[in-house]
Every structure is written in C-alpha cells, then in structure tokens.
PDB file of N, CA and C in Angstrom:
ATOM      1  N   MET A   1     -18.627   8.411  22.855  1.00  0.00           N
ATOM      2  CA  MET A   1     -18.787   7.242  23.672  1.00  0.00           C
ATOM      3  C   MET A   1     -19.519   7.576  24.960  1.00  0.00           C
ATOM      4  N   LEU A   2     -19.302   8.778  25.457  1.00  0.00           N
ATOM      5  CA  LEU A   2     -20.029   9.182  26.669  1.00  0.00           C
ATOM      6  C   LEU A   2     -21.512   9.340  26.404  1.00  0.00           C
ATOM      7  N   ARG A   3     -21.863   9.748  25.207  1.00  0.00           N
ATOM      8  CA  ARG A   3     -23.280   9.911  24.860  1.00  0.00           C
ATOM      9  C   ARG A   3     -23.955   8.584  24.586  1.00  0.00           C
ATOM     10  N   ASN A   4     -23.149   7.575  24.265  1.00  0.00           N
ATOM     11  CA  ASN A   4     -23.690   6.255  23.932  1.00  0.00           C
ATOM     12  C   ASN A   4     -22.957   5.157  24.697  1.00  0.00           C
ATOM     13  N   PRO A   5     -22.997   5.192  26.036  1.00  0.00           N
ATOM     14  CA  PRO A   5     -22.289   4.157  26.788  1.00  0.00           C
ATOM     15  C   PRO A   5     -22.873   2.776  26.495  1.00  0.00           C
ATOM     16  N   ARG A   6     -22.025   1.776  26.566  1.00  0.00           N
ATOM     17  CA  ARG A   6     -22.392   0.384  26.330  1.00  0.00           C
ATOM     18  C   ARG A   6     -22.811   0.109  24.891  1.00  0.00           C
ATOM     19  N   GLN A   7     -22.531   1.055  23.991  1.00  0.00           N
ATOM     20  CA  GLN A   7     -22.831   0.862  22.577  1.00  0.00           C
ATOM     21  C   GLN A   7     -21.514   0.895  21.798  1.00  0.00           C
ATOM     22  N   VAL A   8     -21.285  -0.101  20.965  1.00  0.00           N
ATOM     23  CA  VAL A   8     -20.048  -0.155  20.182  1.00  0.00           C
ATOM     24  C   VAL A   8     -20.077   0.959  19.134  1.00  0.00           C
ATOM     25  N   ILE A   9     -18.975   1.732  19.121  1.00  0.00           N
ATOM     26  CA  ILE A   9     -18.817   2.816  18.144  1.00  0.00           C
ATOM     27  C   ILE A   9     -17.727   2.380  17.178  1.00  0.00           C
ATOM     28  N   SER A  10     -18.041   2.404  15.890  1.00  0.00           N
ATOM     29  CA  SER A  10     -17.071   1.948  14.895  1.00  0.00           C
ATOM     30  C   SER A  10     -15.910   2.933  14.780  1.00  0.00           C
ATOM     31  N   SER A  11     -14.788   2.402  14.345  1.00  0.00           N
ATOM     32  CA  SER A  11     -13.611   3.238  14.130  1.00  0.00           C
ATOM     33  C   SER A  11     -13.901   4.313  13.086  1.00  0.00           C
ATOM     34  N   ASP A  12     -14.656   3.963  12.053  1.00  0.00           N
ATOM     35  CA  ASP A  12     -15.022   4.947  11.022  1.00  0.00           C
ATOM     36  C   ASP A  12     -15.853   6.080  11.616  1.00  0.00           C
ATOM     37  N   ARG A  13     -16.756   5.754  12.484  1.00  0.00           N
ATOM     38  CA  ARG A  13     -17.597   6.772  13.136  1.00  0.00           C
ATOM     39  C   ARG A  13     -16.748   7.692  14.016  1.00  0.00           C
ATOM     40  N   ILE A  14     -15.793   7.126  14.726  1.00  0.00           N
ATOM     41  CA  ILE A  14     -14.900   7.937  15.547  1.00  0.00           C
ATOM     42  C   ILE A  14     -14.102   8.891  14.661  1.00  0.00           C
ATOM     43  N   LEU A  15     -13.552   8.381  13.563  1.00  0.00           N
ATOM     44  CA  LEU A  15     -12.819   9.241  12.631  1.00  0.00           C
ATOM     45  C   LEU A  15     -13.706  10.374  12.116  1.00  0.00           C
ATOM     46  N   GLU A  16     -14.935  10.033  11.754  1.00  0.00           N
ATOM     47  CA  GLU A  16     -15.877  11.019  11.222  1.00  0.00           C
ATOM     48  C   GLU A  16     -16.188  12.106  12.248  1.00  0.00           C
ATOM     49  N   LYS A  17     -16.480  11.700  13.472  1.00  0.00           N
ATOM     50  CA  LYS A  17     -16.889  12.653  14.507  1.00  0.00           C
ATOM     51  C   LYS A  17     -15.731  13.485  15.055  1.00  0.00           C
ATOM     52  N   VAL A  18     -14.550  12.906  15.140  1.00  0.00           N
ATOM     53  CA  VAL A  18     -13.416  13.617  15.733  1.00  0.00           C
ATOM     54  C   VAL A  18     -12.648  14.422  14.694  1.00  0.00           C
ATOM     55  N   TRP A  19     -12.350  13.822  13.542  1.00  0.00           N
ATOM     56  CA  TRP A  19     -11.518  14.496  12.552  1.00  0.00           C
ATOM     57  C   TRP A  19     -12.273  14.953  11.314  1.00  0.00           C
ATOM     58  N   GLY A  20     -13.522  14.598  11.172  1.00  0.00           N
ATOM     59  CA  GLY A  20     -14.338  15.053  10.046  1.00  0.00           C
ATOM     60  C   GLY A  20     -14.293  14.108   8.863  1.00  0.00           C
ATOM     61  N   TYR A  21     -15.170  14.354   7.933  1.00  0.00           N
ATOM     62  CA  TYR A  21     -15.311  13.503   6.754  1.00  0.00           C
ATOM     63  C   TYR A  21     -14.057  13.475   5.890  1.00  0.00           C
ATOM     64  N   ASP A  22     -13.349  14.587   5.805  1.00  0.00           N
ATOM     65  CA  ASP A  22     -12.215  14.693   4.900  1.00  0.00           C
ATOM     66  C   ASP A  22     -10.924  14.120   5.455  1.00  0.00           C
ATOM     67  N   PHE A  23     -10.948  13.648   6.674  1.00  0.00           N
ATOM     68  CA  PHE A  23      -9.733  13.115   7.269  1.00  0.00           C
ATOM     69  C   PHE A  23      -9.445  11.743   6.685  1.00  0.00           C
ATOM     70  N   MET A  24      -8.313  11.628   6.049  1.00  0.00           N
ATOM     71  CA  MET A  24      -7.899  10.354   5.459  1.00  0.00           C
ATOM     72  C   MET A  24      -6.710   9.841   6.244  1.00  0.00           C
ATOM     73  N   SER A  25      -6.847   8.663   6.802  1.00  0.00           N
ATOM     74  CA  SER A  25      -5.752   8.118   7.588  1.00  0.00           C
ATOM     75  C   SER A  25      -5.671   6.618   7.422  1.00  0.00           C
ATOM     76  N   GLU A  26      -4.485   6.157   7.164  1.00  0.00           N
ATOM     77  CA  GLU A  26      -4.245   4.719   7.120  1.00  0.00           C
ATOM     78  C   GLU A  26      -3.344   4.334   8.281  1.00  0.00           C
ATOM     79  N   SER A  27      -3.252   5.216   9.247  1.00  0.00           N
ATOM     80  CA  SER A  27      -2.388   4.977  10.390  1.00  0.00           C
ATOM     81  C   SER A  27      -3.185   4.374  11.542  1.00  0.00           C
ATOM     82  N   ASN A  28      -2.543   4.260  12.663  1.00  0.00           N
ATOM     83  CA  ASN A  28      -3.189   3.720  13.853  1.00  0.00           C
ATOM     84  C   ASN A  28      -3.563   4.844  14.821  1.00  0.00           C
ATOM     85  N   ILE A  29      -3.982   5.966  14.309  1.00  0.00           N
ATOM     86  CA  ILE A  29      -4.262   7.147  15.131  1.00  0.00           C
ATOM     87  C   ILE A  29      -5.335   6.872  16.180  1.00  0.00           C
ATOM     88  N   ILE A  30      -6.354   6.117  15.832  1.00  0.00           N
ATOM     89  CA  ILE A  30      -7.415   5.829  16.795  1.00  0.00           C
ATOM     90  C   ILE A  30      -6.860   4.984  17.938  1.00  0.00           C
ATOM     91  N   GLU A  31      -6.068   3.974  17.608  1.00  0.00           N
ATOM     92  CA  GLU A  31      -5.482   3.126  18.639  1.00  0.00           C
ATOM     93  C   GLU A  31      -4.595   3.930  19.587  1.00  0.00           C
ATOM     94  N   VAL A  32      -3.844   4.880  19.047  1.00  0.00           N
ATOM     95  CA  VAL A  32      -2.970   5.722  19.866  1.00  0.00           C
ATOM     96  C   VAL A  32      -3.788   6.546  20.854  1.00  0.00           C
ATOM     97  N   TYR A  33      -4.858   7.173  20.381  1.00  0.00           N
ATOM     98  CA  TYR A  33      -5.690   7.991  21.260  1.00  0.00           C
ATOM     99  C   TYR A  33      -6.488   7.152  22.259  1.00  0.00           C
ATOM    100  N   ILE A  34      -6.953   5.990  21.847  1.00  0.00           N
ATOM    101  CA  ILE A  34      -7.660   5.102  22.775  1.00  0.00           C
ATOM    102  C   ILE A  34      -6.720   4.681  23.896  1.00  0.00           C
ATOM    103  N   ARG A  35      -5.480   4.362  23.552  1.00  0.00           N
ATOM    104  CA  ARG A  35      -4.502   3.985  24.579  1.00  0.00           C
ATOM    105  C   ARG A  35      -4.278   5.138  25.559  1.00  0.00           C
ATOM    106  N   ALA A  36      -4.143   6.357  25.045  1.00  0.00           N
ATOM    107  CA  ALA A  36      -3.950   7.526  25.913  1.00  0.00           C
ATOM    108  C   ALA A  36      -5.167   7.732  26.820  1.00  0.00           C
ATOM    109  N   LEU A  37      -6.359   7.567  26.281  1.00  0.00           N
ATOM    110  CA  LEU A  37      -7.575   7.687  27.094  1.00  0.00           C
ATOM    111  C   LEU A  37      -7.623   6.614  28.176  1.00  0.00           C
ATOM    112  N   ARG A  38      -7.255   5.399  27.814  1.00  0.00           N
ATOM    113  CA  ARG A  38      -7.249   4.307  28.800  1.00  0.00           C
ATOM    114  C   ARG A  38      -6.299   4.630  29.947  1.00  0.00           C
ATOM    115  N   ILE A  39      -5.127   5.123  29.619  1.00  0.00           N
ATOM    116  CA  ILE A  39      -4.147   5.468  30.658  1.00  0.00           C
ATOM    117  C   ILE A  39      -4.719   6.504  31.611  1.00  0.00           C
ATOM    118  N   LYS A  40      -5.366   7.530  31.068  1.00  0.00           N
ATOM    119  CA  LYS A  40      -5.929   8.582  31.911  1.00  0.00           C
ATOM    120  C   LYS A  40      -7.135   8.100  32.709  1.00  0.00           C
ATOM    121  N   LEU A  41      -8.022   7.375  32.071  1.00  0.00           N
ATOM    122  CA  LEU A  41      -9.231   6.908  32.749  1.00  0.00           C
ATOM    123  C   LEU A  41      -8.946   5.859  33.818  1.00  0.00           C
ATOM    124  N   GLU A  42      -7.951   5.042  33.579  1.00  0.00           N
ATOM    125  CA  GLU A  42      -7.678   3.935  34.478  1.00  0.00           C
ATOM    126  C   GLU A  42      -6.598   4.249  35.503  1.00  0.00           C
ATOM    127  N   ALA A  43      -6.079   5.458  35.502  1.00  0.00           N
ATOM    128  CA  ALA A  43      -5.029   5.831  36.443  1.00  0.00           C
ATOM    129  C   ALA A  43      -5.513   5.711  37.883  1.00  0.00           C
ATOM    130  N   ARG A  44      -6.732   6.090  38.136  1.00  0.00           N
ATOM    131  CA  ARG A  44      -7.290   6.052  39.494  1.00  0.00           C
ATOM    132  C   ARG A  44      -8.221   4.870  39.719  1.00  0.00           C
ATOM    133  N   ASN A  45      -8.564   4.200  38.664  1.00  0.00           N
ATOM    134  CA  ASN A  45      -9.539   3.118  38.734  1.00  0.00           C
ATOM    135  C   ASN A  45      -8.927   1.880  38.087  1.00  0.00           C
ATOM    136  N   SER A  46      -8.925   0.785  38.761  1.00  0.00           N
ATOM    137  CA  SER A  46      -8.323  -0.428  38.222  1.00  0.00           C
ATOM    138  C   SER A  46      -9.220  -1.130  37.205  1.00  0.00           C
ATOM    139  N   LYS A  47     -10.445  -0.685  37.086  1.00  0.00           N
ATOM    140  CA  LYS A  47     -11.369  -1.305  36.138  1.00  0.00           C
ATOM    141  C   LYS A  47     -11.136  -0.774  34.729  1.00  0.00           C
ATOM    142  N   ARG A  48     -11.238  -1.660  33.777  1.00  0.00           N
ATOM    143  CA  ARG A  48     -11.132  -1.277  32.368  1.00  0.00           C
ATOM    144  C   ARG A  48     -12.451  -0.639  31.955  1.00  0.00           C
ATOM    145  N   LEU A  49     -12.390   0.549  31.341  1.00  0.00           N
ATOM    146  CA  LEU A  49     -13.602   1.255  30.923  1.00  0.00           C
ATOM    147  C   LEU A  49     -13.773   1.252  29.409  1.00  0.00           C
ATOM    148  N   LEU A  50     -12.683   1.400  28.671  1.00  0.00           N
ATOM    149  CA  LEU A  50     -12.747   1.383  27.215  1.00  0.00           C
ATOM    150  C   LEU A  50     -12.365  -0.001  26.720  1.00  0.00           C
ATOM    151  N   HIS A  51     -13.268  -0.630  25.998  1.00  0.00           N
ATOM    152  CA  HIS A  51     -13.047  -1.979  25.497  1.00  0.00           C
ATOM    153  C   HIS A  51     -13.002  -1.978  23.980  1.00  0.00           C
ATOM    154  N   THR A  52     -12.205  -2.881  23.446  1.00  0.00           N
ATOM    155  CA  THR A  52     -12.101  -3.047  22.005  1.00  0.00           C
ATOM    156  C   THR A  52     -13.089  -4.112  21.557  1.00  0.00           C
ATOM    157  N   ALA A  53     -13.875  -3.772  20.553  1.00  0.00           N
ATOM    158  CA  ALA A  53     -14.750  -4.748  19.906  1.00  0.00           C
ATOM    159  C   ALA A  53     -14.014  -5.147  18.621  1.00  0.00           C
ATOM    160  N   GLN A  54     -13.309  -6.277  18.675  1.00  0.00           N
ATOM    161  CA  GLN A  54     -12.437  -6.691  17.583  1.00  0.00           C
ATOM    162  C   GLN A  54     -13.098  -6.563  16.218  1.00  0.00           C
ATOM    163  N   GLY A  55     -12.426  -5.846  15.319  1.00  0.00           N
ATOM    164  CA  GLY A  55     -12.900  -5.691  13.953  1.00  0.00           C
ATOM    165  C   GLY A  55     -14.056  -4.726  13.789  1.00  0.00           C
ATOM    166  N   VAL A  56     -14.514  -4.118  14.897  1.00  0.00           N
ATOM    167  CA  VAL A  56     -15.673  -3.230  14.812  1.00  0.00           C
ATOM    168  C   VAL A  56     -15.328  -1.832  15.300  1.00  0.00           C
ATOM    169  N   GLY A  57     -14.914  -1.714  16.557  1.00  0.00           N
ATOM    170  CA  GLY A  57     -14.634  -0.401  17.115  1.00  0.00           C
ATOM    171  C   GLY A  57     -14.380  -0.476  18.604  1.00  0.00           C
ATOM    172  N   TYR A  58     -14.999   0.444  19.345  1.00  0.00           N
ATOM    173  CA  TYR A  58     -14.754   0.555  20.783  1.00  0.00           C
ATOM    174  C   TYR A  58     -16.063   0.799  21.518  1.00  0.00           C
ATOM    175  N   VAL A  59     -16.058   0.429  22.798  1.00  0.00           N
ATOM    176  CA  VAL A  59     -17.250   0.594  23.634  1.00  0.00           C
ATOM    177  C   VAL A  59     -16.816   1.063  25.010  1.00  0.00           C
ATOM    178  N   LEU A  60     -17.607   1.941  25.602  1.00  0.00           N
ATOM    179  CA  LEU A  60     -17.355   2.447  26.944  1.00  0.00           C
ATOM    180  C   LEU A  60     -18.296   1.742  27.903  1.00  0.00           C
ATOM    181  N   ARG A  61     -17.726   0.931  28.786  1.00  0.00           N
ATOM    182  CA  ARG A  61     -18.507   0.242  29.811  1.00  0.00           C
ATOM    183  C   ARG A  61     -17.555  -0.264  30.866  1.00  0.00           C
ATOM    184  N   GLU A  62     -18.091  -0.525  32.051  1.00  0.00           N
ATOM    185  CA  GLU A  62     -17.268  -1.067  33.125  1.00  0.00           C
ATOM    186  C   GLU A  62     -17.021  -2.536  32.880  1.00  0.00           C
ATOM    187  N   GLN A  63     -15.871  -2.974  33.324  1.00  0.00           N
ATOM    188  CA  GLN A  63     -15.524  -4.383  33.230  1.00  0.00           C
ATOM    189  C   GLN A  63     -16.381  -5.158  34.208  1.00  0.00           C
ATOM    190  N   LYS A  64     -16.885  -6.288  33.766  1.00  0.00           N
ATOM    191  CA  LYS A  64     -17.687  -7.134  34.645  1.00  0.00           C
ATOM    192  C   LYS A  64     -16.794  -7.774  35.685  1.00  0.00           C
ATOM    193  N   SER A  65     -17.264  -7.794  36.919  1.00  0.00           N
ATOM    194  CA  SER A  65     -16.469  -8.389  38.006  1.00  0.00           C
ATOM    195  C   SER A  65     -16.621  -9.878  38.039  1.00  0.00           C
TER     196      SER A  65
END
C-alpha cells in the first residue's frame, strides 16, 4: 500500500504478497491485521489513513477534510 498510495489493493493481492500463493485462508486474517495497522497508524493522528473499499480491498490515503 505504501508503494501504491491512493490505489485500491484487493484482498487477494494482499494475501498473495504477504503470505504467498500457497496461503489458503477462509478466515478474517486480513481484517485483523488491517485493524491492528489502523490502531498503530492512527494513534498519533486523528485522520483515517487505511480505508476499506467495500467488496474490493483496501486503500491508503488521507481522509478528506
């Protein structure tokens, strides 16, 4: 996401890049890690940085004021 800010990254792509092609998961592992990242990123900043693109994936961008 840092390499492609403001570009929606699919959940499948995240699984592929982080856990590899052979990782099979029917769990909510991506949601768990995204939540942990949000907590860390937003601890000092009140702006939302990681956004959910419903049914597609996630995007890194600042919240519009």
